[in-house]
Amino acid sequence: MRVNVQRRDFRFWTEEKLRNADTDQFRHVNNAVIATFFEAARMEIFAPPAIRALMGGANLAVVRLLIEFSAELHFPGRVRVGSTVVEVGRTSFSVRQGLFGGARVDCCAAAQAVCVLVHGETRCPHPVAPQLRAYLLSRDDDTETFA
């Protein structure tokens, strides 16, 4: 996946606080915790009620997740996770993400996730509605435009 990830590449942003419990025996933030930060950032894309309404009763299922780690993180501190949707298919979409620690300019970890919309009742893949597709691919941060 080796990509040159920069802050300007992302539309959606999430901030997370590092906890002592996030560290491992090497005293740096554990890679499983970093995967959790990426998950939290992906879920925030769909948190606004207007966007949930566009999902037609579907939820997200991650079917592929690639993470590249490029720098250690240490407690205490905060991280910012940037996300952007790079492709939308019939029932799936691809999200590119970058995790930046504190004041660091460089990216500490990058992720690429393929997510499928799965209907809550039928448990089958659910089509991405045109308005949801427009929201995911837009560079506009105003969710009310898509409600």
Protein backbone atom coordinates (compact mmCIF):
# COMPACT_ATOMS: atom_id res chain seq x y z
CA MET A 1 0.00 0.00 0.00
CA ARG A 2 3.03 2.33 0.48
CA VAL A 3 1.48 5.77 -0.12
CA ASN A 4 2.61 9.29 0.60
CA VAL A 5 -0.18 10.35 2.98
CA GLN A 6 -0.59 14.01 3.86
CA ARG A 7 -3.14 15.89 5.96
CA ARG A 8 -4.56 17.72 2.95
CA ASP A 9 -5.67 14.37 1.47
CA PHE A 10 -8.59 13.96 3.89
CA ARG A 11 -12.11 15.33 4.16
CA PHE A 12 -13.33 13.87 7.47
CA TRP A 13 -11.40 14.26 10.75
CA THR A 14 -11.65 12.54 14.13
CA GLU A 15 -9.57 13.18 17.24
CA GLU A 16 -8.81 10.47 19.81
CA LYS A 17 -7.07 10.65 23.18
CA LEU A 18 -4.26 8.17 23.85
CA ARG A 19 -4.62 6.22 27.09
CA ASN A 20 -2.01 4.39 29.13
CA ALA A 21 -4.05 1.21 28.54
CA ASP A 22 -3.41 1.66 24.78
CA THR A 23 0.28 0.85 25.20
CA ASP A 24 2.03 -2.52 24.95
CA GLN A 25 5.16 -4.02 26.53
CA PHE A 26 7.33 -1.82 24.29
CA ARG A 27 5.58 1.26 25.76
CA HIS A 28 4.16 2.43 22.45
CA VAL A 29 0.54 2.49 21.29
CA ASN A 30 -0.47 -1.04 20.27
CA ASN A 31 -1.27 -1.72 16.61
CA ALA A 32 -4.70 -3.13 17.54
CA VAL A 33 -5.56 0.20 19.18
CA ILE A 34 -4.52 2.02 16.01
CA ALA A 35 -6.95 -0.21 14.07
CA THR A 36 -9.65 0.84 16.56
CA PHE A 37 -8.85 4.53 15.93
CA PHE A 38 -9.31 3.93 12.20
CA GLU A 39 -12.64 2.19 12.87
CA ALA A 40 -13.89 5.09 15.02
CA ALA A 41 -13.00 7.54 12.26
CA ARG A 42 -14.83 5.48 9.60
CA MET A 43 -17.94 5.29 11.79
CA GLU A 44 -17.97 9.07 12.32
CA ILE A 45 -18.47 9.55 8.59
CA PHE A 46 -21.90 7.94 9.03
CA ALA A 47 -22.79 9.39 12.45
CA PRO A 48 -24.88 12.40 11.33
CA PRO A 49 -28.60 11.50 11.50
CA ALA A 50 -29.18 12.86 7.98
CA ILE A 51 -26.56 10.46 6.64
CA ARG A 52 -27.88 7.48 8.66
CA ALA A 53 -31.27 8.14 7.05
CA LEU A 54 -29.68 7.77 3.59
CA MET A 55 -28.45 4.27 4.48
CA GLY A 56 -31.91 2.67 4.28
CA GLY A 57 -31.53 0.53 7.41
CA ALA A 58 -28.08 -0.74 6.44
CA ASN A 59 -24.92 -0.92 8.52
CA LEU A 60 -21.25 -1.14 7.61
CA ALA A 61 -19.21 -4.32 7.34
CA VAL A 62 -15.48 -4.07 6.72
CA VAL A 63 -14.49 -6.77 4.23
CA ARG A 64 -10.89 -5.71 3.70
CA LEU A 65 -8.52 -3.69 5.87
CA LEU A 66 -4.89 -2.88 5.13
CA ILE A 67 -2.81 -0.90 7.63
CA GLU A 68 0.73 0.33 7.13
CA PHE A 69 2.59 1.46 10.24
CA SER A 70 5.35 4.02 9.71
CA ALA A 71 6.09 5.61 13.12
CA GLU A 72 5.58 4.80 16.79
CA LEU A 73 3.10 6.62 19.00
CA HIS A 74 3.56 7.06 22.73
CA PHE A 75 1.29 7.89 25.65
CA PRO A 76 0.26 10.58 26.60
CA GLY A 77 -1.14 12.54 23.71
CA ARG A 78 -3.79 12.80 21.07
CA VAL A 79 -4.08 11.57 17.51
CA ARG A 80 -6.03 12.89 14.56
CA VAL A 81 -7.39 10.48 11.99
CA GLY A 82 -8.25 11.75 8.54
CA SER A 83 -10.55 9.81 6.23
CA THR A 84 -11.76 10.20 2.68
CA VAL A 85 -13.88 7.99 0.45
CA VAL A 86 -11.97 7.29 -2.76
CA GLU A 87 -14.35 4.97 -4.60
CA VAL A 88 -18.02 3.95 -4.40
CA GLY A 89 -19.39 0.80 -6.01
CA ARG A 90 -22.93 -0.61 -6.10
CA THR A 91 -22.95 -1.83 -2.48
CA SER A 92 -19.44 -1.00 -1.30
CA PHE A 93 -16.97 1.84 -0.96
CA SER A 94 -13.28 2.30 -0.28
CA VAL A 95 -11.96 4.59 2.47
CA ARG A 96 -8.38 5.86 2.66
CA GLN A 97 -7.17 7.02 6.08
CA GLY A 98 -4.16 8.56 7.78
CA LEU A 99 -3.31 8.75 11.48
CA PHE A 100 -1.27 11.71 12.71
CA GLY A 101 0.12 11.94 16.24
CA GLY A 102 0.00 15.28 18.03
CA ALA A 103 1.98 17.98 16.26
CA ARG A 104 3.72 15.51 13.92
CA VAL A 105 3.58 16.52 10.30
CA ASP A 106 4.22 13.00 9.03
CA CYS A 107 1.71 10.19 9.05
CA CYS A 108 2.19 7.48 11.72
CA ALA A 109 -0.10 4.93 10.04
CA ALA A 110 -2.15 4.70 6.87
CA ALA A 111 -5.16 2.47 6.18
CA GLN A 112 -7.30 1.42 3.27
CA ALA A 113 -10.66 -0.16 4.07
CA VAL A 114 -13.29 -1.66 1.80
CA CYS A 115 -16.71 -1.47 3.42
CA VAL A 116 -20.00 -3.04 2.32
CA LEU A 117 -23.44 -1.77 3.26
CA VAL A 118 -25.33 -4.70 4.79
CA HIS A 119 -29.07 -4.45 5.37
CA GLY A 120 -29.96 -4.84 9.05
CA GLU A 121 -32.86 -7.25 8.49
CA THR A 122 -31.89 -9.28 5.42
CA ARG A 123 -28.11 -9.32 6.20
CA CYS A 124 -27.54 -8.97 2.44
CA PRO A 125 -25.49 -6.31 0.64
CA HIS A 126 -27.55 -3.14 0.26
CA PRO A 127 -27.24 -0.69 -2.67
CA VAL A 128 -25.61 2.68 -2.02
CA ALA A 129 -28.35 5.29 -2.58
CA PRO A 130 -27.51 8.08 -5.07
CA GLN A 131 -27.63 10.76 -2.34
CA LEU A 132 -25.32 8.72 -0.11
CA ARG A 133 -22.94 8.21 -3.04
CA ALA A 134 -22.92 11.99 -3.65
CA TYR A 135 -22.18 12.65 0.03
CA LEU A 136 -19.37 10.11 0.19
CA LEU A 137 -17.64 11.43 -2.92
CA SER A 138 -18.29 15.13 -2.30
CA ARG A 139 -15.63 17.50 -1.05
CA ASP A 140 -18.36 19.53 0.69
CA ASP A 141 -18.41 19.17 4.49
CA ASP A 142 -22.05 20.28 4.83
CA THR A 143 -24.07 17.12 5.60
CA GLU A 144 -27.34 19.07 5.42
CA THR A 145 -26.79 19.45 1.67
CA PHE A 146 -27.41 15.70 1.42
CA ALA A 147 -30.36 15.35 3.77
